[in-house]
């Protein structure tokens, strides 16, 4: 599955409103011996879904996490395997365990966090999963919950928090309604380029491409900031972001605009990258339209999976072509698609190269694969569209 990129750096604890929140810090994470804040440890539950579409939260956390040190993944169907290999990548030393007991045994201690890493269509816990989360809490583990079901509102979970002196982080919970922000038009005050990474389907790698692009630009001296718009990005440690699909629709554009403004003022970036959600052409999602409205992007990078025959969870819906999605985006919003990125699922490397050549010829824009091709190609894509960024570029380290 195509979800995030590998790297683990120092942890940051940021709330869902994009600002640092000490309430999100673990209750029992003393400083490391070198005096720096210790990265909280975590196990990720992803039973029967790791490496699959509904396991995208776990997939992403294993590949990249600033906020947690991932010790293991729980998935009895893949127990004993290395999680990196399951994702089609190099071994990463993060084992897949059969159950919570196996995970604790391999960790040698109780981790700080139990992360629910499955993203089911229902957005709710099953009865079995409720019991498992409660068992983890009884052992003294804090819980990270990315579902639409807010566990802090459940009396049984609230009682478990008090009894075990742990906390639950409901990642998708938006700010209180009285504090939600409407769109103001102040997005025009953001003078650096804003690039939205959209896609032709859900769970297609938009967050991956946004992250790789942001990191590649920063590595070349272009100060880039990424705006997370989903629960996985927030769990990974996105400094600015919100779970857009949990915000009342009236406030989605305004909340995203305000978050972008906070990033612009706080970081003074050369470019802002906004993670997309869903697909503008997909009838099951409206988040792409809010991203286009709230971001008012100067450019769009479109993510597409040529080897995917139908929409996720909708076998009766054929995938759109990049051309039709580009036409829809550019008709819906005053923007331009500056490049195409490919999710290489179900494709050989030869097929990826052929697809890149075909789409560049057909669409007249640069195309690449964020994971299977050098990240420098993403940088070239952006600088070609926004040549004023070229003066920011530094030489690639040898």
Protein backbone atom coordinates (compact mmCIF):
# COMPACT_ATOMS: atom_id res chain seq x y z
CA UNK A 1 0.00 0.00 0.00
CA UNK A 2 1.13 3.49 -0.89
CA UNK A 3 0.78 5.71 2.17
CA UNK A 4 3.86 7.39 3.62
CA UNK A 5 7.62 7.60 3.50
CA UNK A 6 10.16 6.30 5.99
CA UNK A 7 11.85 8.54 8.52
CA UNK A 8 11.60 9.00 12.23
CA UNK A 9 12.60 12.32 13.73
CA UNK A 10 12.02 14.12 16.97
CA UNK A 11 8.47 13.96 18.25
CA UNK A 12 6.11 16.90 18.35
CA UNK A 13 2.74 16.85 20.09
CA UNK A 14 0.24 18.96 18.18
CA UNK A 15 -3.50 19.19 18.67
CA UNK A 16 -6.07 18.82 15.91
CA UNK A 17 -6.31 22.60 15.53
CA UNK A 18 -2.77 22.75 14.23
CA UNK A 19 -1.27 24.26 17.36
CA UNK A 20 1.02 22.58 19.84
CA UNK A 21 -0.96 21.09 22.71
CA UNK A 22 0.62 19.76 25.87
CA UNK A 23 -2.66 17.94 26.55
CA UNK A 24 -1.58 15.57 23.80
CA UNK A 25 1.65 14.66 25.57
CA UNK A 26 1.94 11.22 27.17
CA UNK A 27 1.28 11.02 30.88
CA UNK A 28 4.43 9.01 31.52
CA UNK A 29 7.21 10.06 29.17
CA UNK A 30 10.22 11.34 31.10
CA UNK A 31 13.08 13.04 29.26
CA UNK A 32 15.61 10.85 27.55
CA UNK A 33 19.04 10.44 29.10
CA UNK A 34 20.45 13.09 26.75
CA UNK A 35 18.02 15.65 28.20
CA UNK A 36 15.77 15.85 25.14
CA UNK A 37 12.11 14.93 25.23
CA UNK A 38 11.70 11.19 24.77
CA UNK A 39 9.66 10.07 21.79
CA UNK A 40 6.64 8.16 23.16
CA UNK A 41 6.51 4.49 22.25
CA UNK A 42 3.48 2.89 20.63
CA UNK A 43 2.04 -0.31 19.20
CA UNK A 44 -0.36 -0.10 16.29
CA UNK A 45 -3.43 -2.31 16.03
CA UNK A 46 -4.28 -3.28 12.44
CA UNK A 47 -5.82 -6.75 12.60
CA UNK A 48 -6.33 -8.34 9.15
CA UNK A 49 -5.66 -5.03 7.40
CA UNK A 50 -1.96 -4.19 7.54
CA UNK A 51 -0.68 -3.39 4.07
CA UNK A 52 -4.25 -3.08 2.76
CA UNK A 53 -6.38 -0.03 2.04
CA UNK A 54 -8.24 -0.02 5.38
CA UNK A 55 -4.88 -0.27 7.14
CA UNK A 56 -3.66 3.02 5.69
CA UNK A 57 -3.25 4.61 9.14
CA UNK A 58 -1.00 1.80 10.34
CA UNK A 59 0.81 1.71 6.99
CA UNK A 60 1.55 5.40 7.22
CA UNK A 61 2.72 5.30 10.83
CA UNK A 62 5.11 2.45 10.13
CA UNK A 63 6.62 4.33 7.21
CA UNK A 64 6.87 7.72 8.90
CA UNK A 65 6.22 9.11 12.37
CA UNK A 66 7.61 12.14 14.11
CA UNK A 67 5.30 11.77 17.06
CA UNK A 68 5.69 8.12 18.12
CA UNK A 69 8.33 5.43 18.08
CA UNK A 70 6.41 2.51 16.58
CA UNK A 71 7.48 -0.72 18.29
CA UNK A 72 5.24 -3.22 16.51
CA UNK A 73 2.05 -3.81 14.54
CA UNK A 74 -0.72 -6.19 15.62
CA UNK A 75 -2.09 -8.30 12.76
CA UNK A 76 -2.40 -12.05 13.41
CA UNK A 77 -2.64 -12.81 9.67
CA UNK A 78 0.89 -11.46 9.07
CA UNK A 79 2.47 -12.24 12.45
CA UNK A 80 6.20 -12.92 12.33
CA UNK A 81 6.82 -10.76 9.27
CA UNK A 82 8.74 -7.51 9.05
CA UNK A 83 6.31 -4.62 8.47
CA UNK A 84 8.61 -2.94 5.97
CA UNK A 85 8.70 -6.04 3.80
CA UNK A 86 4.91 -6.36 3.92
CA UNK A 87 4.70 -2.84 2.51
CA UNK A 88 7.01 -3.85 -0.32
CA UNK A 89 9.97 -1.94 1.07
CA UNK A 90 13.24 -2.62 2.89
CA UNK A 91 13.07 -4.35 6.31
CA UNK A 92 12.52 -1.74 9.01
CA UNK A 93 12.86 -3.81 12.18
CA UNK A 94 9.25 -3.19 13.21
CA UNK A 95 7.73 -6.66 13.74
CA UNK A 96 4.15 -7.73 13.14
CA UNK A 97 2.74 -9.49 16.20
CA UNK A 98 -0.15 -11.90 16.63
CA UNK A 99 -1.88 -10.06 19.48
CA UNK A 100 -1.38 -7.52 22.24
CA UNK A 101 0.36 -10.01 24.54
CA UNK A 102 2.85 -10.90 21.79
CA UNK A 103 3.44 -7.20 21.11
CA UNK A 104 4.14 -6.48 24.80
CA UNK A 105 6.46 -9.45 25.03
CA UNK A 106 8.52 -8.22 22.09
CA UNK A 107 8.59 -4.68 23.47
CA UNK A 108 9.80 -5.86 26.87
CA UNK A 109 7.75 -3.13 28.58
CA UNK A 110 4.34 -1.50 28.36
CA UNK A 111 4.40 1.09 25.54
CA UNK A 112 3.09 4.58 26.13
CA UNK A 113 0.37 4.32 23.49
CA UNK A 114 -2.01 1.88 21.85
CA UNK A 115 -2.85 3.28 18.40
CA UNK A 116 -5.95 2.09 16.60
CA UNK A 117 -4.52 1.86 13.10
CA UNK A 118 -7.48 0.57 11.10
CA UNK A 119 -9.65 2.99 9.12
CA UNK A 120 -12.90 1.05 8.48
CA UNK A 121 -15.65 2.56 6.36
CA UNK A 122 -17.96 2.51 9.39
CA UNK A 123 -15.59 4.62 11.48
CA UNK A 124 -16.66 2.66 14.58
CA UNK A 125 -15.21 0.03 16.91
CA UNK A 126 -16.55 -3.52 16.86
CA UNK A 127 -17.44 -5.14 20.22
CA UNK A 128 -14.21 -7.17 20.07
CA UNK A 129 -12.16 -4.05 19.39
CA UNK A 130 -13.77 -2.23 22.31
CA UNK A 131 -12.61 -5.01 24.60
CA UNK A 132 -9.09 -4.90 23.20
CA UNK A 133 -8.78 -1.13 23.65
CA UNK A 134 -10.08 -1.38 27.21
CA UNK A 135 -7.55 -4.14 27.92
CA UNK A 136 -4.72 -1.93 26.68
CA UNK A 137 -5.92 0.89 28.91
CA UNK A 138 -6.04 -1.42 31.92
CA UNK A 139 -2.36 -2.13 31.32
CA UNK A 140 -1.59 1.59 31.52
CA UNK A 141 -1.49 2.46 27.83
CA UNK A 142 -2.84 5.74 26.51
CA UNK A 143 -5.00 5.40 23.39
CA UNK A 144 -4.82 7.17 20.05
CA UNK A 145 -8.15 6.94 18.26
CA UNK A 146 -8.59 8.13 14.68
CA UNK A 147 -12.16 6.92 14.22
CA UNK A 148 -15.28 9.04 13.85
CA UNK A 149 -16.42 7.54 17.18
CA UNK A 150 -15.09 9.78 19.98
CA UNK A 151 -14.18 7.45 22.81
CA UNK A 152 -13.91 10.22 25.39
CA UNK A 153 -17.69 10.63 25.06
CA UNK A 154 -18.30 6.98 25.97
CA UNK A 155 -18.97 6.47 29.71
CA UNK A 156 -17.20 3.10 29.76
CA UNK A 157 -14.04 4.53 28.25
CA UNK A 158 -14.22 7.63 30.45
CA UNK A 159 -14.37 5.40 33.51
CA UNK A 160 -11.42 3.36 32.21
CA UNK A 161 -9.37 6.54 31.80
CA UNK A 162 -10.01 7.51 35.39
CA UNK A 163 -9.34 4.03 36.74
CA UNK A 164 -6.06 3.51 34.91
CA UNK A 165 -4.92 7.15 34.88
CA UNK A 166 -4.50 7.18 31.11
CA UNK A 167 -5.95 9.39 28.39
CA UNK A 168 -7.57 8.94 25.02
CA UNK A 169 -6.64 11.17 22.10
CA UNK A 170 -9.66 11.44 19.78
CA UNK A 171 -7.66 12.71 16.81
CA UNK A 172 -10.66 13.54 14.64
CA UNK A 173 -12.41 15.71 17.22
CA UNK A 174 -12.72 19.26 15.84
CA UNK A 175 -12.48 22.38 17.96
CA UNK A 176 -15.65 23.36 19.87
CA UNK A 177 -18.41 24.68 17.60
CA UNK A 178 -18.24 28.12 19.18
CA UNK A 179 -14.61 28.35 18.08
CA UNK A 180 -15.02 27.07 14.51
CA UNK A 181 -14.01 29.60 11.87
CA UNK A 182 -15.81 30.67 8.71
CA UNK A 183 -14.09 31.44 5.42
CA UNK A 184 -13.02 35.11 5.30
CA UNK A 185 -11.12 35.53 2.06
CA UNK A 186 -7.89 36.20 3.96
CA UNK A 187 -6.35 33.29 2.07
CA UNK A 188 -5.36 36.04 -0.38
CA UNK A 189 -2.91 37.28 2.29
CA UNK A 190 -0.87 34.11 1.81
CA UNK A 191 1.64 35.27 -0.77
CA UNK A 192 3.60 32.04 -1.26
CA UNK A 193 2.39 29.36 -3.68
CA UNK A 194 -0.23 26.98 -2.29
CA UNK A 195 -0.22 23.51 -3.85
CA UNK A 196 -2.95 20.96 -3.17
CA UNK A 197 -2.22 17.27 -3.73
CA UNK A 198 -5.50 15.78 -4.97
CA UNK A 199 -6.31 12.36 -6.40
CA UNK A 200 -8.60 10.30 -8.59
CA UNK A 201 -9.71 8.12 -5.65
CA UNK A 202 -9.46 7.78 -1.89
CA UNK A 203 -6.54 5.90 -0.26
CA UNK A 204 -4.44 6.45 -3.37
CA UNK A 205 -1.29 8.03 -1.88
CA UNK A 206 -2.03 11.75 -1.65
CA UNK A 207 -0.49 12.00 1.80
CA UNK A 208 2.56 10.08 0.62
CA UNK A 209 3.17 12.40 -2.29
CA UNK A 210 2.52 15.50 -0.18
CA UNK A 211 5.03 14.31 2.42
CA UNK A 212 7.70 13.28 -0.10
CA UNK A 213 7.25 16.58 -1.95
CA UNK A 214 7.50 18.65 1.23
CA UNK A 215 10.63 16.84 2.37
CA UNK A 216 12.24 17.06 -1.08
CA UNK A 217 11.66 20.80 -1.30
CA UNK A 218 13.08 21.39 2.17
CA UNK A 219 16.11 19.27 1.31
CA UNK A 220 16.79 21.59 -1.64
CA UNK A 221 16.49 24.78 0.42
CA UNK A 222 12.88 25.64 -0.46
CA UNK A 223 11.09 26.13 2.86
CA UNK A 224 7.92 24.03 2.54
CA UNK A 225 5.19 23.38 5.09
CA UNK A 226 2.60 20.62 4.77
CA UNK A 227 -0.98 21.00 5.95
CA UNK A 228 -2.43 17.67 7.09
CA UNK A 229 -6.14 17.15 6.50
CA UNK A 230 -6.68 13.61 7.82
CA UNK A 231 -6.23 11.61 11.00
CA UNK A 232 -3.11 9.76 9.88
CA UNK A 233 -1.13 12.90 9.15
CA UNK A 234 -2.07 14.28 12.57
CA UNK A 235 -0.96 11.05 14.24
CA UNK A 236 2.33 11.19 12.38
CA UNK A 237 3.02 14.62 13.83
CA UNK A 238 1.84 17.15 11.25
CA UNK A 239 2.50 20.53 12.82
CA UNK A 240 -0.44 22.18 11.08
CA UNK A 241 -3.64 20.42 10.18
CA UNK A 242 -7.15 19.25 10.96
CA UNK A 243 -9.28 16.19 10.34
CA UNK A 244 -11.39 17.85 7.68
CA UNK A 245 -14.05 15.13 7.41
CA UNK A 246 -15.01 15.68 11.05
CA UNK A 247 -15.66 19.42 10.71
CA UNK A 248 -19.25 20.58 10.00
CA UNK A 249 -19.43 21.42 6.31
CA UNK A 250 -20.27 25.08 6.93
CA UNK A 251 -16.86 25.56 8.55
CA UNK A 252 -14.60 23.31 6.45
CA UNK A 253 -13.34 26.00 4.10
CA UNK A 254 -12.86 28.46 6.94
CA UNK A 255 -11.03 26.04 9.21
CA UNK A 256 -8.66 25.08 6.40
CA UNK A 257 -8.10 28.72 5.43
CA UNK A 258 -7.34 29.63 9.05
CA UNK A 259 -4.92 26.71 9.42
CA UNK A 260 -3.06 27.73 6.26
CA UNK A 261 -2.85 31.30 7.56
CA UNK A 262 -1.41 30.03 10.86
CA UNK A 263 1.24 28.06 8.97
CA UNK A 264 2.07 31.03 6.74
CA UNK A 265 2.49 33.42 9.67
CA UNK A 266 4.20 30.91 11.93
CA UNK A 267 6.67 29.43 9.45
CA UNK A 268 7.08 32.07 6.72
CA UNK A 269 7.38 29.32 4.10
CA UNK A 270 8.31 29.58 0.45
CA UNK A 271 5.51 27.15 -0.46
CA UNK A 272 2.60 25.44 1.31
CA UNK A 273 1.58 21.86 0.44
CA UNK A 274 -1.96 20.78 1.33
CA UNK A 275 -2.81 17.09 1.65
CA UNK A 276 -5.91 16.14 -0.32
CA UNK A 277 -8.79 13.88 0.71
CA UNK A 278 -11.09 11.69 -1.40
CA UNK A 279 -11.51 12.77 -5.02
CA UNK A 280 -13.47 15.64 -6.50
CA UNK A 281 -15.21 13.27 -8.93
CA UNK A 282 -16.07 10.67 -6.26
CA UNK A 283 -19.72 10.90 -5.14
CA UNK A 284 -18.92 9.47 -1.70
CA UNK A 285 -16.69 12.41 -0.70
CA UNK A 286 -17.05 16.18 -0.47
CA UNK A 287 -13.70 16.92 1.17
CA UNK A 288 -11.88 17.62 -2.10
CA UNK A 289 -14.27 20.46 -2.85
CA UNK A 290 -13.64 22.00 0.57
CA UNK A 291 -9.89 21.70 0.05
CA UNK A 292 -10.13 23.53 -3.25
CA UNK A 293 -12.33 26.21 -1.71
CA UNK A 294 -10.40 26.71 1.53
CA UNK A 295 -6.95 26.51 -0.04
CA UNK A 296 -7.66 28.43 -3.27
CA UNK A 297 -4.57 26.65 -4.61
CA UNK A 298 -2.20 28.19 -7.10
CA UNK A 299 -1.48 24.68 -8.35
CA UNK A 300 -2.60 21.08 -7.99
CA UNK A 301 -0.60 17.86 -8.15
CA UNK A 302 -2.88 14.98 -9.13
CA UNK A 303 -2.28 11.44 -7.80
CA UNK A 304 -3.50 8.52 -9.92
CA UNK A 305 -3.24 4.71 -9.81
CA UNK A 306 -3.16 3.38 -13.39
CA UNK A 307 -3.34 -0.21 -12.13
CA UNK A 308 -6.52 0.36 -10.12
CA UNK A 309 -9.61 -0.71 -12.05
CA UNK A 310 -12.36 0.65 -9.80
CA UNK A 311 -12.86 2.98 -6.85
CA UNK A 312 -12.04 1.72 -3.38
CA UNK A 313 -15.06 -0.07 -1.89
CA UNK A 314 -17.11 0.66 -5.04
CA UNK A 315 -16.55 -2.10 -7.58
CA UNK A 316 -19.35 -0.73 -9.75
CA UNK A 317 -17.48 2.58 -10.18
CA UNK A 318 -14.70 2.59 -12.76
CA UNK A 319 -11.69 4.79 -12.07
CA UNK A 320 -11.72 8.14 -13.88
CA UNK A 321 -8.91 9.05 -16.23
CA UNK A 322 -6.42 11.75 -15.19
CA UNK A 323 -7.64 13.88 -18.10
CA UNK A 324 -11.25 13.91 -16.93
CA UNK A 325 -10.24 14.61 -13.31
CA UNK A 326 -7.99 17.46 -14.39
CA UNK A 327 -10.79 18.97 -16.46
CA UNK A 328 -13.15 18.73 -13.48
CA UNK A 329 -10.66 20.31 -11.05
CA UNK A 330 -9.82 23.18 -13.38
CA UNK A 331 -13.49 23.80 -14.13
CA UNK A 332 -14.49 23.70 -10.46
CA UNK A 333 -11.68 25.93 -9.20
CA UNK A 334 -9.56 28.79 -10.48
CA UNK A 335 -6.37 26.74 -10.48
CA UNK A 336 -4.18 24.59 -12.73
CA UNK A 337 -2.90 21.04 -12.44
CA UNK A 338 0.89 21.32 -12.59
CA UNK A 339 1.81 17.63 -12.55
CA UNK A 340 0.72 14.02 -12.21
CA UNK A 341 2.07 11.52 -9.69
CA UNK A 342 1.57 7.79 -9.93
CA UNK A 343 0.66 5.18 -7.34
CA UNK A 344 2.42 2.07 -8.65
CA UNK A 345 0.16 -0.54 -7.06
CA UNK A 346 -0.33 -3.56 -9.35
CA UNK A 347 2.35 -2.23 -11.72
CA UNK A 348 5.85 -3.30 -12.71
CA UNK A 349 8.65 -0.75 -12.93
CA UNK A 350 8.52 -1.00 -16.72
CA UNK A 351 4.81 -0.22 -16.63
CA UNK A 352 5.45 2.79 -14.39
CA UNK A 353 7.97 4.19 -16.90
CA UNK A 354 5.55 3.62 -19.76
CA UNK A 355 2.73 5.33 -17.85
CA UNK A 356 4.91 8.35 -17.07
CA UNK A 357 5.82 8.73 -20.75
CA UNK A 358 2.21 8.26 -21.87
CA UNK A 359 0.72 10.77 -19.43
CA UNK A 360 3.35 13.42 -20.08
CA UNK A 361 2.63 13.17 -23.80
CA UNK A 362 -1.15 13.07 -23.35
CA UNK A 363 -1.54 15.71 -20.66
CA UNK A 364 1.36 18.04 -21.42
CA UNK A 365 2.49 18.18 -17.78
CA UNK A 366 5.33 16.49 -15.85
CA UNK A 367 4.64 13.04 -14.38
CA UNK A 368 6.52 10.89 -11.88
CA UNK A 369 6.18 8.31 -9.11
CA UNK A 370 6.91 9.81 -5.68
CA UNK A 371 8.29 6.56 -4.28
CA UNK A 372 9.73 4.71 -7.29
CA UNK A 373 11.46 7.70 -8.91
CA UNK A 374 13.93 10.26 -7.49
CA UNK A 375 12.24 12.96 -5.36
CA UNK A 376 14.17 15.52 -7.37
CA UNK A 377 11.57 15.05 -10.11
CA UNK A 378 8.91 16.39 -7.76
CA UNK A 379 11.07 19.42 -7.05
CA UNK A 380 11.48 20.02 -10.79
CA UNK A 381 7.70 19.73 -11.20
CA UNK A 382 7.07 22.48 -8.68
CA UNK A 383 9.90 24.79 -9.76
CA UNK A 384 8.80 24.48 -13.39
CA UNK A 385 5.34 25.73 -12.38
CA UNK A 386 6.65 28.38 -9.98
CA UNK A 387 10.02 29.56 -11.36
CA UNK A 388 10.37 32.16 -8.60
CA UNK A 389 11.30 29.27 -6.29
CA UNK A 390 14.38 28.45 -8.36
CA UNK A 391 16.45 31.08 -6.61
CA UNK A 392 15.80 29.28 -3.31
CA UNK A 393 17.29 26.02 -4.54
CA UNK A 394 20.52 24.81 -3.02
CA UNK A 395 22.82 22.22 -4.51
CA UNK A 396 22.13 18.57 -3.82
CA UNK A 397 24.57 17.17 -1.27
CA UNK A 398 26.89 14.60 -2.79
